[in-house]
Amino acid sequence: MMGPDIEALSRKAFPEAKVSVADLAGDGDHHGARVIPLAFTIKSRSSIRCVCDAQRDNG
């Protein structure tokens, strides 16, 4: 999955969130994503799982 696709899916799943995606290796194959929905006040496994599920379900 390409960076713009990761960003679009994250924004679709969490429209109010701050989303940023970075190409970590400069090769287009290794990305890091930061998704900070307003609903998440603490970093927890459930919030991370929610983001991963959104990527899996739409990708």
N, C-alpha and C. Protein backbone atom coordinates (compact mmCIF):
# COMPACT_ATOMS: atom_id res chain seq x y z
N MET A 1 0.85 -1.16 0.00
CA MET A 1 0.00 0.00 0.00
C MET A 1 0.91 1.24 0.00
N MET A 2 0.57 2.19 -0.81
CA MET A 2 1.37 3.42 -0.93
C MET A 2 0.95 4.45 0.13
N GLY A 3 1.85 5.37 0.40
CA GLY A 3 1.61 6.39 1.41
C GLY A 3 0.31 7.17 1.24
N PRO A 4 0.02 7.66 0.02
CA PRO A 4 -1.24 8.39 -0.16
C PRO A 4 -2.47 7.53 0.11
N ASP A 5 -2.37 6.22 -0.18
CA ASP A 5 -3.49 5.32 0.10
C ASP A 5 -3.68 5.15 1.61
N ILE A 6 -2.57 5.01 2.34
CA ILE A 6 -2.64 4.89 3.79
C ILE A 6 -3.27 6.14 4.38
N GLU A 7 -2.84 7.29 3.89
CA GLU A 7 -3.39 8.56 4.40
C GLU A 7 -4.88 8.68 4.09
N ALA A 8 -5.27 8.35 2.87
CA ALA A 8 -6.68 8.46 2.48
C ALA A 8 -7.57 7.53 3.31
N LEU A 9 -7.12 6.29 3.52
CA LEU A 9 -7.91 5.35 4.31
C LEU A 9 -8.01 5.79 5.76
N SER A 10 -6.93 6.33 6.29
CA SER A 10 -6.95 6.82 7.66
C SER A 10 -7.89 8.01 7.80
N ARG A 11 -7.86 8.92 6.83
CA ARG A 11 -8.77 10.08 6.88
C ARG A 11 -10.22 9.67 6.71
N LYS A 12 -10.46 8.63 5.91
CA LYS A 12 -11.82 8.14 5.72
C LYS A 12 -12.35 7.52 7.03
N ALA A 13 -11.50 6.76 7.70
CA ALA A 13 -11.92 6.10 8.94
C ALA A 13 -12.02 7.08 10.11
N PHE A 14 -11.16 8.12 10.10
CA PHE A 14 -11.10 9.09 11.19
C PHE A 14 -11.06 10.50 10.61
N PRO A 15 -12.19 11.00 10.11
CA PRO A 15 -12.18 12.29 9.41
C PRO A 15 -11.75 13.48 10.26
N GLU A 16 -11.90 13.39 11.57
CA GLU A 16 -11.55 14.52 12.43
C GLU A 16 -10.09 14.45 12.90
N ALA A 17 -9.39 13.40 12.51
CA ALA A 17 -8.04 13.15 13.03
C ALA A 17 -6.97 13.98 12.32
N LYS A 18 -5.87 14.16 13.03
CA LYS A 18 -4.65 14.66 12.42
C LYS A 18 -3.94 13.44 11.86
N VAL A 19 -3.64 13.44 10.55
CA VAL A 19 -3.01 12.29 9.90
C VAL A 19 -1.74 12.73 9.21
N SER A 20 -0.68 11.98 9.43
CA SER A 20 0.56 12.21 8.70
C SER A 20 1.17 10.86 8.34
N VAL A 21 1.72 10.78 7.14
CA VAL A 21 2.36 9.55 6.65
C VAL A 21 3.72 9.93 6.11
N ALA A 22 4.73 9.16 6.48
CA ALA A 22 6.09 9.43 6.01
C ALA A 22 6.67 8.17 5.38
N ASP A 23 7.39 8.35 4.29
CA ASP A 23 8.14 7.27 3.65
C ASP A 23 9.43 7.11 4.43
N LEU A 24 9.52 6.10 5.25
CA LEU A 24 10.61 5.96 6.20
C LEU A 24 11.95 5.62 5.57
N ALA A 25 11.93 4.87 4.47
CA ALA A 25 13.18 4.42 3.86
C ALA A 25 13.47 5.11 2.53
N GLY A 26 12.52 5.93 2.07
CA GLY A 26 12.71 6.59 0.78
C GLY A 26 12.53 5.68 -0.41
N ASP A 27 11.96 4.50 -0.18
CA ASP A 27 11.79 3.53 -1.27
C ASP A 27 10.34 3.29 -1.67
N GLY A 28 9.41 3.97 -1.00
CA GLY A 28 8.00 3.80 -1.31
C GLY A 28 7.38 2.53 -0.75
N ASP A 29 8.17 1.74 -0.01
CA ASP A 29 7.67 0.47 0.53
C ASP A 29 7.54 0.44 2.04
N HIS A 30 8.15 1.39 2.72
CA HIS A 30 8.15 1.37 4.19
C HIS A 30 7.67 2.72 4.70
N HIS A 31 6.45 2.70 5.25
CA HIS A 31 5.82 3.94 5.68
C HIS A 31 5.55 3.93 7.18
N GLY A 32 5.56 5.09 7.74
CA GLY A 32 5.12 5.29 9.11
C GLY A 32 3.93 6.22 9.08
N ALA A 33 2.92 5.90 9.85
CA ALA A 33 1.71 6.72 9.87
C ALA A 33 1.43 7.16 11.30
N ARG A 34 1.00 8.39 11.42
CA ARG A 34 0.55 8.92 12.72
C ARG A 34 -0.89 9.37 12.53
N VAL A 35 -1.78 8.76 13.29
CA VAL A 35 -3.20 9.09 13.25
C VAL A 35 -3.62 9.47 14.66
N ILE A 36 -4.04 10.71 14.83
CA ILE A 36 -4.42 11.18 16.15
C ILE A 36 -5.87 11.68 16.11
N PRO A 37 -6.83 10.77 16.31
CA PRO A 37 -8.22 11.18 16.37
C PRO A 37 -8.49 11.97 17.65
N LEU A 38 -9.41 12.88 17.57
CA LEU A 38 -9.79 13.65 18.75
C LEU A 38 -10.34 12.75 19.85
N ALA A 39 -10.94 11.63 19.45
CA ALA A 39 -11.55 10.73 20.43
C ALA A 39 -10.51 9.99 21.27
N PHE A 40 -9.27 9.93 20.82
CA PHE A 40 -8.23 9.22 21.56
C PHE A 40 -7.51 10.19 22.48
N THR A 41 -7.74 10.05 23.74
CA THR A 41 -7.06 10.93 24.69
C THR A 41 -5.83 10.26 25.27
N ILE A 42 -5.78 8.93 25.18
CA ILE A 42 -4.60 8.20 25.63
C ILE A 42 -4.23 7.18 24.57
N LYS A 43 -2.97 6.83 24.52
CA LYS A 43 -2.50 5.81 23.58
C LYS A 43 -2.74 4.45 24.22
N SER A 44 -3.53 3.64 23.57
CA SER A 44 -3.84 2.34 24.12
C SER A 44 -3.83 1.30 23.01
N ARG A 45 -3.82 0.05 23.40
CA ARG A 45 -3.87 -1.02 22.41
C ARG A 45 -5.15 -0.95 21.58
N SER A 46 -6.25 -0.57 22.21
CA SER A 46 -7.51 -0.51 21.46
C SER A 46 -7.47 0.58 20.40
N SER A 47 -6.81 1.70 20.66
CA SER A 47 -6.72 2.75 19.65
C SER A 47 -5.82 2.32 18.51
N ILE A 48 -4.73 1.64 18.82
CA ILE A 48 -3.83 1.14 17.77
C ILE A 48 -4.55 0.08 16.94
N ARG A 49 -5.27 -0.82 17.59
CA ARG A 49 -6.01 -1.86 16.89
C ARG A 49 -7.06 -1.23 15.95
N CYS A 50 -7.70 -0.17 16.40
CA CYS A 50 -8.72 0.50 15.61
C CYS A 50 -8.13 1.04 14.31
N VAL A 51 -6.96 1.65 14.39
CA VAL A 51 -6.28 2.18 13.20
C VAL A 51 -5.88 1.05 12.28
N CYS A 52 -5.31 -0.02 12.83
CA CYS A 52 -4.90 -1.16 12.00
C CYS A 52 -6.10 -1.81 11.32
N ASP A 53 -7.20 -1.95 12.04
CA ASP A 53 -8.41 -2.52 11.47
C ASP A 53 -8.94 -1.69 10.32
N ALA A 54 -8.87 -0.37 10.44
CA ALA A 54 -9.34 0.51 9.36
C ALA A 54 -8.50 0.30 8.10
N GLN A 55 -7.20 0.12 8.26
CA GLN A 55 -6.33 -0.13 7.11
C GLN A 55 -6.64 -1.47 6.47
N ARG A 56 -6.80 -2.49 7.30
CA ARG A 56 -7.05 -3.85 6.81
C ARG A 56 -8.40 -3.95 6.11
N ASP A 57 -9.44 -3.34 6.68
CA ASP A 57 -10.79 -3.44 6.13
C ASP A 57 -10.95 -2.71 4.82
N ASN A 58 -10.16 -1.67 4.59
CA ASN A 58 -10.32 -0.85 3.40
C ASN A 58 -9.21 -1.01 2.38
N GLY A 59 -8.21 -1.79 2.68
CA GLY A 59 -7.04 -1.88 1.81
C GLY A 59 -6.97 -3.12 1.01
